[in-house]
Each structure stands twice: as C-alpha cells, then as structure tokens.
C-alpha atoms as a PDB file:
ATOM      1  CA  UNK A   1     -29.122  16.031 -13.207  1.00  0.00           C
ATOM      2  CA  UNK A   2     -26.899  16.858 -16.291  1.00  0.00           C
ATOM      3  CA  UNK A   3     -29.845  18.014 -18.254  1.00  0.00           C
ATOM      4  CA  UNK A   4     -31.072  20.470 -15.118  1.00  0.00           C
ATOM      5  CA  UNK A   5     -27.615  21.953 -14.961  1.00  0.00           C
ATOM      6  CA  UNK A   6     -27.512  22.592 -18.956  1.00  0.00           C
ATOM      7  CA  UNK A   7     -30.868  24.217 -18.766  1.00  0.00           C
ATOM      8  CA  UNK A   8     -29.342  26.558 -15.906  1.00  0.00           C
ATOM      9  CA  UNK A   9     -26.676  27.575 -17.782  1.00  0.00           C
ATOM     10  CA  UNK A  10     -28.216  28.571 -21.087  1.00  0.00           C
ATOM     11  CA  UNK A  11     -30.770  30.455 -18.933  1.00  0.00           C
ATOM     12  CA  UNK A  12     -28.086  32.193 -16.911  1.00  0.00           C
ATOM     13  CA  UNK A  13     -26.288  32.925 -20.599  1.00  0.00           C
ATOM     14  CA  UNK A  14     -29.617  34.249 -22.077  1.00  0.00           C
ATOM     15  CA  UNK A  15     -30.323  36.805 -19.065  1.00  0.00           C
ATOM     16  CA  UNK A  16     -26.713  37.988 -19.334  1.00  0.00           C
ATOM     17  CA  UNK A  17     -27.035  38.528 -22.985  1.00  0.00           C
ATOM     18  CA  UNK A  18     -30.626  40.389 -22.944  1.00  0.00           C
ATOM     19  CA  UNK A  19     -29.213  42.674 -19.947  1.00  0.00           C
ATOM     20  CA  UNK A  20     -26.175  43.381 -22.208  1.00  0.00           C
ATOM     21  CA  UNK A  21     -28.276  44.371 -25.461  1.00  0.00           C
ATOM     22  CA  UNK A  22     -30.749  46.239 -23.198  1.00  0.00           C
ATOM     23  CA  UNK A  23     -27.661  48.414 -21.902  1.00  0.00           C
ATOM     24  CA  UNK A  24     -26.450  48.787 -25.072  1.00  0.00           C
ATOM     25  CA  UNK A  25     -29.344  50.117 -26.718  1.00  0.00           C
ATOM     26  CA  UNK A  26     -30.009  52.807 -23.942  1.00  0.00           C
ATOM     27  CA  UNK A  27     -26.545  53.879 -24.366  1.00  0.00           C
ATOM     28  CA  UNK A  28     -26.723  54.130 -28.083  1.00  0.00           C
ATOM     29  CA  UNK A  29     -29.860  56.407 -28.040  1.00  0.00           C
ATOM     30  CA  UNK A  30     -28.459  58.349 -25.429  1.00  0.00           C
ATOM     31  CA  UNK A  31     -25.306  59.178 -27.654  1.00  0.00           C
ATOM     32  CA  UNK A  32     -27.671  59.770 -30.714  1.00  0.00           C
ATOM     33  CA  UNK A  33     -29.945  62.150 -28.935  1.00  0.00           C
ATOM     34  CA  UNK A  34     -26.835  64.276 -27.819  1.00  0.00           C
ATOM     35  CA  UNK A  35     -25.529  64.120 -31.371  1.00  0.00           C
ATOM     36  CA  UNK A  36     -28.757  65.144 -32.611  1.00  0.00           C
ATOM     37  CA  UNK A  37     -29.663  67.941 -30.269  1.00  0.00           C
ATOM     38  CA  UNK A  38     -29.300  71.368 -31.914  1.00  0.00           C
ATOM     39  CA  UNK A  39     -26.404  73.393 -30.352  1.00  0.00           C
ATOM     40  CA  UNK A  40     -25.302  76.782 -31.083  1.00  0.00           C
ATOM     41  CA  UNK A  41     -21.942  77.461 -32.747  1.00  0.00           C
ATOM     42  CA  UNK A  42     -20.138  78.445 -29.548  1.00  0.00           C
ATOM     43  CA  UNK A  43     -21.232  75.193 -27.998  1.00  0.00           C
ATOM     44  CA  UNK A  44     -20.019  73.183 -31.134  1.00  0.00           C
ATOM     45  CA  UNK A  45     -16.837  72.750 -29.631  1.00  0.00           C
ATOM     46  CA  UNK A  46     -17.984  71.395 -26.596  1.00  0.00           C
ATOM     47  CA  UNK A  47     -20.289  68.510 -28.046  1.00  0.00           C
ATOM     48  CA  UNK A  48     -17.553  66.102 -27.678  1.00  0.00           C
ATOM     49  CA  UNK A  49     -17.357  66.819 -23.941  1.00  0.00           C
ATOM     50  CA  UNK A  50     -21.048  66.896 -23.841  1.00  0.00           C
ATOM     51  CA  UNK A  51     -20.942  63.280 -24.816  1.00  0.00           C
ATOM     52  CA  UNK A  52     -18.074  62.139 -22.651  1.00  0.00           C
ATOM     53  CA  UNK A  53     -19.655  63.371 -19.459  1.00  0.00           C
ATOM     54  CA  UNK A  54     -23.083  61.612 -20.669  1.00  0.00           C
ATOM     55  CA  UNK A  55     -20.941  58.300 -20.651  1.00  0.00           C
ATOM     56  CA  UNK A  56     -19.692  59.156 -17.202  1.00  0.00           C
ATOM     57  CA  UNK A  57     -23.017  59.837 -16.020  1.00  0.00           C
ATOM     58  CA  UNK A  58     -24.116  56.206 -17.599  1.00  0.00           C
ATOM     59  CA  UNK A  59     -21.168  54.225 -15.936  1.00  0.00           C
ATOM     60  CA  UNK A  60     -23.078  53.827 -12.529  1.00  0.00           C
ATOM     61  CA  UNK A  61     -25.781  52.131 -14.526  1.00  0.00           C
ATOM     62  CA  UNK A  62     -23.602  49.660 -16.279  1.00  0.00           C
ATOM     63  CA  UNK A  63     -21.784  48.941 -13.007  1.00  0.00           C
ATOM     64  CA  UNK A  64     -24.904  48.505 -11.208  1.00  0.00           C
ATOM     65  CA  UNK A  65     -26.354  46.205 -13.884  1.00  0.00           C
ATOM     66  CA  UNK A  66     -22.935  44.205 -13.614  1.00  0.00           C
ATOM     67  CA  UNK A  67     -23.067  43.964  -9.810  1.00  0.00           C
ATOM     68  CA  UNK A  68     -26.634  42.808 -10.048  1.00  0.00           C
ATOM     69  CA  UNK A  69     -25.615  40.056 -12.459  1.00  0.00           C
ATOM     70  CA  UNK A  70     -23.060  38.989 -10.313  1.00  0.00           C
ATOM     71  CA  UNK A  71     -25.059  38.798  -7.214  1.00  0.00           C
ATOM     72  CA  UNK A  72     -27.855  36.935  -8.876  1.00  0.00           C
ATOM     73  CA  UNK A  73     -25.493  34.303 -10.495  1.00  0.00           C
ATOM     74  CA  UNK A  74     -25.578  30.977  -9.389  1.00  0.00           C
ATOM     75  CA  UNK A  75     -22.855  29.963  -7.068  1.00  0.00           C
ATOM     76  CA  UNK A  76     -20.012  27.385  -8.526  1.00  0.00           C
ATOM     77  CA  UNK A  77     -21.293  23.912  -7.925  1.00  0.00           C
ATOM     78  CA  UNK A  78     -19.847  21.959  -4.942  1.00  0.00           C
ATOM     79  CA  UNK A  79     -18.116  18.645  -5.688  1.00  0.00           C
ATOM     80  CA  UNK A  80     -19.969  15.900  -4.476  1.00  0.00           C
ATOM     81  CA  UNK A  81     -17.943  14.215  -1.782  1.00  0.00           C
ATOM     82  CA  UNK A  82     -20.757  11.809  -0.478  1.00  0.00           C
ATOM     83  CA  UNK A  83     -20.722  10.081  -3.782  1.00  0.00           C
ATOM     84  CA  UNK A  84     -19.963   6.195  -3.376  1.00  0.00           C
ATOM     85  CA  UNK A  85     -16.596   6.592  -5.545  1.00  0.00           C
ATOM     86  CA  UNK A  86     -15.404   9.327  -3.065  1.00  0.00           C
ATOM     87  CA  UNK A  87     -16.504   7.738  -0.142  1.00  0.00           C
ATOM     88  CA  UNK A  88     -14.773   4.383  -1.096  1.00  0.00           C
ATOM     89  CA  UNK A  89     -11.216   4.642  -0.033  1.00  0.00           C
ATOM     90  CA  UNK A  90      -8.779   1.984   0.353  1.00  0.00           C
ATOM     91  CA  UNK A  91      -7.551   1.701   3.679  1.00  0.00           C
ATOM     92  CA  UNK A  92      -4.491  -0.615   4.207  1.00  0.00           C
ATOM     93  CA  UNK A  93      -3.173  -2.458   7.169  1.00  0.00           C
ATOM     94  CA  UNK A  94       0.763  -1.548   7.680  1.00  0.00           C
ATOM     95  CA  UNK A  95       3.035  -4.645   6.824  1.00  0.00           C
ATOM     96  CA  UNK A  96       4.425  -5.971  10.273  1.00  0.00           C
ATOM     97  CA  UNK A  97       7.735  -4.096  11.134  1.00  0.00           C
ATOM     98  CA  UNK A  98      10.319  -6.906  10.934  1.00  0.00           C
ATOM     99  CA  UNK A  99      13.191  -4.250  12.024  1.00  0.00           C
ATOM    100  CA  UNK A 100      16.636  -5.550  12.037  1.00  0.00           C
ATOM    101  CA  UNK A 101      14.995  -9.115  11.508  1.00  0.00           C
ATOM    102  CA  UNK A 102      14.322  -7.941   8.154  1.00  0.00           C
ATOM    103  CA  UNK A 103      18.127  -7.918   7.476  1.00  0.00           C
ATOM    104  CA  UNK A 104      17.878 -11.739   7.212  1.00  0.00           C
ATOM    105  CA  UNK A 105      16.420 -14.484   4.646  1.00  0.00           C
ATOM    106  CA  UNK A 106      16.640 -16.902   7.702  1.00  0.00           C
ATOM    107  CA  UNK A 107      17.040 -16.131  11.312  1.00  0.00           C
ATOM    108  CA  UNK A 108      16.794 -18.630  14.165  1.00  0.00           C
ATOM    109  CA  UNK A 109      17.674 -19.142  17.925  1.00  0.00           C
ATOM    110  CA  UNK A 110      18.860 -22.698  17.942  1.00  0.00           C
ATOM    111  CA  UNK A 111      20.372 -23.621  14.479  1.00  0.00           C
ATOM    112  CA  UNK A 112      19.922 -23.900  10.647  1.00  0.00           C
ATOM    113  CA  UNK A 113      20.654 -27.118   8.821  1.00  0.00           C
ATOM    114  CA  UNK A 114      20.492 -28.222   5.304  1.00  0.00           C
ATOM    115  CA  UNK A 115      21.271 -31.286   3.043  1.00  0.00           C
ATOM    116  CA  UNK A 116      21.227 -31.462  -0.838  1.00  0.00           C
ATOM    117  CA  UNK A 117      21.689 -28.953  -3.080  1.00  0.00           C
ATOM    118  CA  UNK A 118      20.174 -25.970  -1.498  1.00  0.00           C
ATOM    119  CA  UNK A 119      20.329 -22.236  -2.459  1.00  0.00           C
ATOM    120  CA  UNK A 120      19.628 -19.021  -0.245  1.00  0.00           C
ATOM    121  CA  UNK A 121      19.818 -15.698  -1.536  1.00  0.00           C
ATOM    122  CA  UNK A 122      20.555 -13.142   1.220  1.00  0.00           C
ATOM    123  CA  UNK A 123      21.747 -13.082   4.985  1.00  0.00           C
ATOM    124  CA  UNK A 124      21.207 -15.931   7.623  1.00  0.00           C
ATOM    125  CA  UNK A 125      22.095 -15.990  11.004  1.00  0.00           C
ATOM    126  CA  UNK A 126      21.520 -17.668  14.488  1.00  0.00           C
ATOM    127  CA  UNK A 127      21.683 -16.179  18.288  1.00  0.00           C
ATOM    128  CA  UNK A 128      22.336 -17.003  21.027  1.00  0.00           C
ATOM    129  CA  UNK A 129      23.626 -20.133  19.663  1.00  0.00           C
ATOM    130  CA  UNK A 130      27.218 -20.603  17.912  1.00  0.00           C
ATOM    131  CA  UNK A 131      28.096 -20.948  14.302  1.00  0.00           C
ATOM    132  CA  UNK A 132      28.369 -24.773  15.493  1.00  0.00           C
ATOM    133  CA  UNK A 133      24.461 -24.965  14.814  1.00  0.00           C
ATOM    134  CA  UNK A 134      24.848 -24.176  11.390  1.00  0.00           C
ATOM    135  CA  UNK A 135      25.706 -27.188   9.345  1.00  0.00           C
ATOM    136  CA  UNK A 136      25.731 -28.427   6.068  1.00  0.00           C
ATOM    137  CA  UNK A 137      26.610 -25.022   4.625  1.00  0.00           C
ATOM    138  CA  UNK A 138      30.699 -25.454   4.352  1.00  0.00           C
ATOM    139  CA  UNK A 139      31.362 -22.345   6.317  1.00  0.00           C
ATOM    140  CA  UNK A 140      34.212 -20.024   5.282  1.00  0.00           C
ATOM    141  CA  UNK A 141      34.899 -17.740   7.594  1.00  0.00           C
ATOM    142  CA  UNK A 142      35.726 -14.145   6.605  1.00  0.00           C
ATOM    143  CA  UNK A 143      39.336 -12.621   7.613  1.00  0.00           C
ATOM    144  CA  UNK A 144      37.412 -10.196  10.012  1.00  0.00           C
ATOM    145  CA  UNK A 145      35.686 -13.205  11.716  1.00  0.00           C
ATOM    146  CA  UNK A 146      32.747 -11.000  11.730  1.00  0.00           C
ATOM    147  CA  UNK A 147      30.819 -13.301   9.262  1.00  0.00           C
ATOM    148  CA  UNK A 148      31.080 -16.291   7.480  1.00  0.00           C
ATOM    149  CA  UNK A 149      30.641 -17.268   3.529  1.00  0.00           C
ATOM    150  CA  UNK A 150      29.180 -20.559   1.935  1.00  0.00           C
ATOM    151  CA  UNK A 151      28.512 -21.507  -1.653  1.00  0.00           C
ATOM    152  CA  UNK A 152      24.979 -22.299  -0.978  1.00  0.00           C
ATOM    153  CA  UNK A 153      24.234 -18.764   0.326  1.00  0.00           C
ATOM    154  CA  UNK A 154      24.526 -15.300  -1.788  1.00  0.00           C
ATOM    155  CA  UNK A 155      24.816 -13.375   1.239  1.00  0.00           C
ATOM    156  CA  UNK A 156      26.637 -13.514   4.726  1.00  0.00           C
ATOM    157  CA  UNK A 157      26.351 -15.986   7.510  1.00  0.00           C
ATOM    158  CA  UNK A 158      26.448 -14.403  10.927  1.00  0.00           C
ATOM    159  CA  UNK A 159      26.260 -16.061  14.477  1.00  0.00           C
ATOM    160  CA  UNK A 160      26.609 -15.061  18.178  1.00  0.00           C
ATOM    161  CA  UNK A 161      30.180 -16.325  18.588  1.00  0.00           C
ATOM    162  CA  UNK A 162      31.663 -13.887  15.870  1.00  0.00           C
ATOM    163  CA  UNK A 163      33.547 -10.837  16.281  1.00  0.00           C
ATOM    164  CA  UNK A 164      31.990  -7.809  17.723  1.00  0.00           C
ATOM    165  CA  UNK A 165      29.605  -5.795  16.326  1.00  0.00           C
ATOM    166  CA  UNK A 166      28.184  -9.144  15.363  1.00  0.00           C
ATOM    167  CA  UNK A 167      26.964 -10.322  18.722  1.00  0.00           C
ATOM    168  CA  UNK A 168      25.307  -7.005  19.433  1.00  0.00           C
ATOM    169  CA  UNK A 169      23.862  -7.176  16.175  1.00  0.00           C
ATOM    170  CA  UNK A 170      22.472 -10.649  16.392  1.00  0.00           C
ATOM    171  CA  UNK A 171      21.185 -10.105  19.697  1.00  0.00           C
ATOM    172  CA  UNK A 172      19.066  -6.881  18.287  1.00  0.00           C
ATOM    173  CA  UNK A 173      17.750  -9.169  15.281  1.00  0.00           C
ATOM    174  CA  UNK A 174      16.391 -11.754  17.659  1.00  0.00           C
ATOM    175  CA  UNK A 175      14.646  -9.078  19.886  1.00  0.00           C
ATOM    176  CA  UNK A 176      13.100  -7.694  16.916  1.00  0.00           C
ATOM    177  CA  UNK A 177      11.877 -11.089  15.749  1.00  0.00           C
ATOM    178  CA  UNK A 178      10.334 -11.852  18.730  1.00  0.00           C
ATOM    179  CA  UNK A 179       8.865  -8.295  18.668  1.00  0.00           C
ATOM    180  CA  UNK A 180       7.528  -8.801  15.439  1.00  0.00           C
ATOM    181  CA  UNK A 181       5.825 -12.377  16.219  1.00  0.00           C
ATOM    182  CA  UNK A 182       4.130 -10.763  19.325  1.00  0.00           C
ATOM    183  CA  UNK A 183       2.804  -7.902  17.406  1.00  0.00           C
ATOM    184  CA  UNK A 184       1.768 -10.057  14.676  1.00  0.00           C
ATOM    185  CA  UNK A 185      -0.163 -12.276  16.988  1.00  0.00           C
ATOM    186  CA  UNK A 186      -1.707  -9.194  18.852  1.00  0.00           C
ATOM    187  CA  UNK A 187      -2.811  -7.228  15.697  1.00  0.00           C
ATOM    188  CA  UNK A 188      -6.669  -6.486  15.571  1.00  0.00           C
ATOM    189  CA  UNK A 189      -6.755  -4.153  12.429  1.00  0.00           C
ATOM    190  CA  UNK A 190      -8.421  -4.685  10.403  1.00  0.00           C
ATOM    191  CA  UNK A 191     -11.361  -6.431  12.319  1.00  0.00           C
ATOM    192  CA  UNK A 192     -10.084 -10.316  11.911  1.00  0.00           C
ATOM    193  CA  UNK A 193     -11.724 -12.836   9.902  1.00  0.00           C
ATOM    194  CA  UNK A 194     -12.016 -15.612  12.415  1.00  0.00           C
ATOM    195  CA  UNK A 195     -11.832 -19.422  11.775  1.00  0.00           C
ATOM    196  CA  UNK A 196     -12.228 -18.924   7.807  1.00  0.00           C
ATOM    197  CA  UNK A 197     -12.870 -22.079   6.154  1.00  0.00           C
ATOM    198  CA  UNK A 198     -12.301 -24.120   9.458  1.00  0.00           C
ATOM    199  CA  UNK A 199      -8.656 -23.985   8.755  1.00  0.00           C
ATOM    200  CA  UNK A 200      -8.279 -25.675   5.601  1.00  0.00           C
ATOM    201  CA  UNK A 201      -7.949 -23.000   2.856  1.00  0.00           C
ATOM    202  CA  UNK A 202      -6.954 -25.258   0.223  1.00  0.00           C
ATOM    203  CA  UNK A 203      -8.372 -24.541  -3.368  1.00  0.00           C
ATOM    204  CA  UNK A 204      -9.555 -21.011  -1.815  1.00  0.00           C
ATOM    205  CA  UNK A 205      -8.844 -17.347  -2.742  1.00  0.00           C
ATOM    206  CA  UNK A 206      -8.581 -15.261   0.112  1.00  0.00           C
ATOM    207  CA  UNK A 207      -8.376 -11.328  -0.051  1.00  0.00           C
ATOM    208  CA  UNK A 208      -6.298  -8.816   1.776  1.00  0.00           C
ATOM    209  CA  UNK A 209      -6.781  -8.679   5.485  1.00  0.00           C
ATOM    210  CA  UNK A 210      -6.487 -10.303   9.046  1.00  0.00           C
ATOM    211  CA  UNK A 211      -7.120 -14.079   9.470  1.00  0.00           C
ATOM    212  CA  UNK A 212      -7.280 -15.771  12.736  1.00  0.00           C
ATOM    213  CA  UNK A 213      -7.470 -19.443  13.745  1.00  0.00           C
ATOM    214  CA  UNK A 214      -7.358 -21.129  16.978  1.00  0.00           C
ATOM    215  CA  UNK A 215      -6.673 -24.417  15.189  1.00  0.00           C
ATOM    216  CA  UNK A 216      -3.916 -25.312  12.750  1.00  0.00           C
ATOM    217  CA  UNK A 217      -3.998 -24.345   9.130  1.00  0.00           C
ATOM    218  CA  UNK A 218      -4.051 -26.804   5.792  1.00  0.00           C
ATOM    219  CA  UNK A 219      -2.940 -26.226   2.547  1.00  0.00           C
ATOM    220  CA  UNK A 220      -3.172 -29.569   0.053  1.00  0.00           C
ATOM    221  CA  UNK A 221      -1.943 -30.089  -3.201  1.00  0.00           C
ATOM    222  CA  UNK A 222      -4.719 -27.914  -4.292  1.00  0.00           C
ATOM    223  CA  UNK A 223      -3.108 -24.747  -3.171  1.00  0.00           C
ATOM    224  CA  UNK A 224      -4.298 -21.499  -2.238  1.00  0.00           C
ATOM    225  CA  UNK A 225      -4.961 -17.978  -4.256  1.00  0.00           C
ATOM    226  CA  UNK A 226      -3.882 -14.694  -2.322  1.00  0.00           C
ATOM    227  CA  UNK A 227      -5.528 -11.871  -4.373  1.00  0.00           C
ATOM    228  CA  UNK A 228      -4.913  -8.295  -4.141  1.00  0.00           C
ATOM    229  CA  UNK A 229      -2.703  -5.012  -4.832  1.00  0.00           C
ATOM    230  CA  UNK A 230       0.813  -4.488  -4.497  1.00  0.00           C
ATOM    231  CA  UNK A 231       0.166  -2.550  -1.385  1.00  0.00           C
ATOM    232  CA  UNK A 232      -2.426  -5.077   0.175  1.00  0.00           C
ATOM    233  CA  UNK A 233      -1.290  -6.928   3.502  1.00  0.00           C
ATOM    234  CA  UNK A 234      -2.012 -10.370   4.567  1.00  0.00           C
ATOM    235  CA  UNK A 235      -1.371 -11.365   8.109  1.00  0.00           C
ATOM    236  CA  UNK A 236      -2.357 -14.860   9.272  1.00  0.00           C
ATOM    237  CA  UNK A 237      -2.693 -15.750  12.984  1.00  0.00           C
ATOM    238  CA  UNK A 238      -2.590 -19.469  13.251  1.00  0.00           C
ATOM    239  CA  UNK A 239      -2.862 -20.990  17.167  1.00  0.00           C
ATOM    240  CA  UNK A 240      -1.058 -24.550  16.136  1.00  0.00           C
ATOM    241  CA  UNK A 241       0.556 -25.839  13.349  1.00  0.00           C
ATOM    242  CA  UNK A 242       0.660 -24.447   9.588  1.00  0.00           C
ATOM    243  CA  UNK A 243       1.205 -27.573   7.000  1.00  0.00           C
ATOM    244  CA  UNK A 244       1.635 -27.150   3.413  1.00  0.00           C
ATOM    245  CA  UNK A 245       1.307 -30.368   1.428  1.00  0.00           C
ATOM    246  CA  UNK A 246       3.596 -31.868  -0.778  1.00  0.00           C
ATOM    247  CA  UNK A 247       3.178 -29.954  -4.621  1.00  0.00           C
ATOM    248  CA  UNK A 248       0.895 -27.431  -3.139  1.00  0.00           C
ATOM    249  CA  UNK A 249       1.583 -23.864  -4.455  1.00  0.00           C
ATOM    250  CA  UNK A 250       0.254 -20.407  -3.191  1.00  0.00           C
ATOM    251  CA  UNK A 251      -0.306 -18.173  -6.085  1.00  0.00           C
ATOM    252  CA  UNK A 252      -0.420 -14.311  -5.917  1.00  0.00           C
ATOM    253  CA  UNK A 253      -2.915 -12.342  -8.173  1.00  0.00           C
ATOM    254  CA  UNK A 254      -3.352  -8.847  -9.033  1.00  0.00           C
ATOM    255  CA  UNK A 255      -0.209  -7.262  -7.865  1.00  0.00           C
ATOM    256  CA  UNK A 256      -0.007  -8.939  -4.706  1.00  0.00           C
ATOM    257  CA  UNK A 257       3.772  -9.346  -3.171  1.00  0.00           C
ATOM    258  CA  UNK A 258       5.130 -11.867  -1.078  1.00  0.00           C
ATOM    259  CA  UNK A 259       6.890  -9.430   1.235  1.00  0.00           C
ATOM    260  CA  UNK A 260       3.712  -8.340   2.472  1.00  0.00           C
ATOM    261  CA  UNK A 261       2.551 -11.736   3.676  1.00  0.00           C
ATOM    262  CA  UNK A 262       3.110 -12.679   7.297  1.00  0.00           C
ATOM    263  CA  UNK A 263       2.461 -16.225   8.786  1.00  0.00           C
ATOM    264  CA  UNK A 264       2.591 -15.944  12.257  1.00  0.00           C
ATOM    265  CA  UNK A 265       2.611 -19.545  13.609  1.00  0.00           C
ATOM    266  CA  UNK A 266       2.729 -20.485  17.395  1.00  0.00           C
ATOM    267  CA  UNK A 267       2.963 -24.467  16.578  1.00  0.00           C
ATOM    268  CA  UNK A 268       5.794 -25.483  13.623  1.00  0.00           C
ATOM    269  CA  UNK A 269       5.740 -24.997  10.028  1.00  0.00           C
ATOM    270  CA  UNK A 270       6.066 -27.988   7.603  1.00  0.00           C
ATOM    271  CA  UNK A 271       6.569 -27.040   3.883  1.00  0.00           C
ATOM    272  CA  UNK A 272       6.288 -30.306   1.851  1.00  0.00           C
ATOM    273  CA  UNK A 273       8.113 -31.646  -1.217  1.00  0.00           C
ATOM    274  CA  UNK A 274       8.325 -29.403  -3.989  1.00  0.00           C
ATOM    275  CA  UNK A 275       5.861 -26.810  -2.523  1.00  0.00           C
ATOM    276  CA  UNK A 276       5.943 -23.322  -3.526  1.00  0.00           C
ATOM    277  CA  UNK A 277       5.207 -20.702  -0.423  1.00  0.00           C
ATOM    278  CA  UNK A 278       5.292 -17.292  -0.406  1.00  0.00           C
ATOM    279  CA  UNK A 279       5.348 -15.034   2.419  1.00  0.00           C
ATOM    280  CA  UNK A 280       7.272 -14.528   5.709  1.00  0.00           C
ATOM    281  CA  UNK A 281       7.154 -17.318   8.342  1.00  0.00           C
ATOM    282  CA  UNK A 282       7.134 -16.126  12.076  1.00  0.00           C
ATOM    283  CA  UNK A 283       7.355 -19.506  13.803  1.00  0.00           C
ATOM    284  CA  UNK A 284       7.218 -20.031  17.563  1.00  0.00           C
ATOM    285  CA  UNK A 285       9.097 -23.341  17.064  1.00  0.00           C
ATOM    286  CA  UNK A 286      10.522 -25.195  14.001  1.00  0.00           C
ATOM    287  CA  UNK A 287      10.078 -24.381  10.317  1.00  0.00           C
ATOM    288  CA  UNK A 288      11.022 -27.398   7.982  1.00  0.00           C
ATOM    289  CA  UNK A 289      11.096 -27.441   4.249  1.00  0.00           C
ATOM    290  CA  UNK A 290      11.063 -30.520   2.439  1.00  0.00           C
ATOM    291  CA  UNK A 291      13.022 -31.776  -0.553  1.00  0.00           C
ATOM    292  CA  UNK A 292      12.675 -29.383  -3.513  1.00  0.00           C
ATOM    293  CA  UNK A 293      10.590 -27.066  -1.599  1.00  0.00           C
ATOM    294  CA  UNK A 294      10.803 -23.111  -2.671  1.00  0.00           C
ATOM    295  CA  UNK A 295      10.220 -20.472  -0.513  1.00  0.00           C
ATOM    296  CA  UNK A 296       9.427 -16.557  -1.767  1.00  0.00           C
ATOM    297  CA  UNK A 297      10.065 -14.608   1.879  1.00  0.00           C
ATOM    298  CA  UNK A 298      11.792 -15.081   4.835  1.00  0.00           C
ATOM    299  CA  UNK A 299      11.917 -17.884   7.742  1.00  0.00           C
ATOM    300  CA  UNK A 300      12.468 -16.625  11.291  1.00  0.00           C
ATOM    301  CA  UNK A 301      12.285 -19.247  13.917  1.00  0.00           C
ATOM    302  CA  UNK A 302      12.180 -19.232  17.532  1.00  0.00           C
ATOM    303  CA  UNK A 303      13.932 -22.763  17.473  1.00  0.00           C
ATOM    304  CA  UNK A 304      15.409 -23.970  14.265  1.00  0.00           C
ATOM    305  CA  UNK A 305      15.174 -24.185  10.628  1.00  0.00           C
ATOM    306  CA  UNK A 306      15.789 -27.414   8.467  1.00  0.00           C
ATOM    307  CA  UNK A 307      16.408 -27.397   4.780  1.00  0.00           C
ATOM    308  CA  UNK A 308      16.652 -30.658   2.188  1.00  0.00           C
ATOM    309  CA  UNK A 309      17.438 -29.160  -0.870  1.00  0.00           C
ATOM    310  CA  UNK A 310      15.523 -26.298  -1.090  1.00  0.00           C
ATOM    311  CA  UNK A 311      15.381 -22.522  -2.411  1.00  0.00           C
ATOM    312  CA  UNK A 312      14.827 -19.558  -0.124  1.00  0.00           C
ATOM    313  CA  UNK A 313      14.874 -16.130  -1.669  1.00  0.00           C
ATOM    314  CA  UNK A 314      13.409 -12.720   0.201  1.00  0.00           C
END
C-alpha cells in the first residue's frame, strides 16, 4: 500500500513539473517574439508596454492551468478509522460509588472490636448502634463530643450517639453503604463472567471485569493475581461466603489499584492469619480479620467487623 501511495505522489509531482516547464517555455517564446519583432522608432517607447500587455494576455492561460492542476490533484488521504488499532478502544466500567461511606476505612452497623496490636489508617464509625459497640480501642472522646480518638486509629472515630452533626452524618454514611452494596450486586456491565473456576480462584490470574458466583469464593494460600491497568475495575458478586485462607495474598499487577476492587459479599468474609488482602469489602454480614491479617482497602459491613492484631489502610 505504501508503494502505491509513493508512486502516486511521484507521478503527481512529475505532471506538475512538466506543466510548469511547458508554460515557462511558451511564455519565454512569447517574450522573445515580442522582443525580436521589428518596430518603428516612434513605437520603441511603447515596446515595454507591449510586453506587459502580452503577459496580461497570457495570465489566464496560467490561471487555467493552475486550476486544472488543483482539480485533478488527488484528494488528501482519509485516516483509516476502521483499522483494528482505532476500533480497539478501552471501555472501562466505573468504580462503585461509595459516596460518604468512602469517608470511612471501617464502617459497620453493629460494632467494631479489636484485640492485640491493631493499626487502622483513616476514620472508623458505627451506626445506628452507639459507641459502646466500639471495643478494644481505648476511645478518648474529643472536647466537641462529635468524635473520639484512639492510639490504634490514625483518624477519627464516630458513632450515632455522638453530638450533632455526627448522628446525621452516620445515618447518611450507612445509607450510602447499603446503596453501594445493592448497586454492586445489581451491576450488569460489563457482561458478567459467571461461576469462574467454580468459585476457587486460588493460583489464578483474573483480568478486570464483573464476576458473579452463586456460591462462595475461596482463596487458598496459593493466593490470586489481579492483572490490569490503574483505571481498571473488578467487581466480585459473591452470593455466599468469601474465605481467604491463612497466608493467602492478593497480588496486583500492571498498575491495578486496590481502590478499584470491590468484593460484594452476601455471606460473611473471613480473612485468615497473616493474609494480605486488597480491595473494598461490602459485606451483608460479618467481616473478621484473624491474627496479623493486612487489608489495603475498606471494610464496610452491615453487621460487625472483628480484628485480631490486624492492619487496615485504605
């Protein structure tokens, strides 16, 4: 194809050069003719004027030739938008919108408890239950009575019984958490990948997309890899339990980010001892972290979250 284009261009240039030299030759001969034509002495002064007039007469010939050249020139090549490269566009699903629930690293309706050396980065909160359901953190209430602090939490701790505007804030956050859960379970784009590996994704590599299981999902110590770009999204719709065995690791490849991973679990979520988990968990029931488990993401439960010497960062 490129040879044909190059040949066409060479032919066009040759045609233009030929026409140019023909016109130049005709013009030169016309001028020579005028210069060599005998004239009387009294007409000598007007010889220059005659040459000028001849040039004017030949001007339409040049203009017509140029117009013809333009009309016969090949039209500029149109970009090939039907090529596989142009047609192959990366269409990404949007992340689940957590709204104000995304302001919390841990958010629950019935309580948050911890034992051992736990570290949490970000805010945590409970509603509609009171702050008495937040145990093991050594809460120190702020002077405003709107939140508490804890040596185990780099952030603020909220509960429904704290001073205004905290109760309203917590009600909205819980509502947004439930809405995100429902939206995650109801998502249909992109086309869901159903019952992948019969729910046992251990040792597998999962590309971005929407996955749906009518069973539980298991990740053994073999772990699982999520491979994609920084803007890629994973949504896992799990009808029963999510079980992450001891020492299991979720590995992100190719720039994939934990904030774009959503585990929507209708059963309970168990993250085993020493496991390294990534993604946001929206769970219908309990989320439990066993000793030394690490989570890079958010834990949003419609019941409780229990932690044994764990680490959670958004």
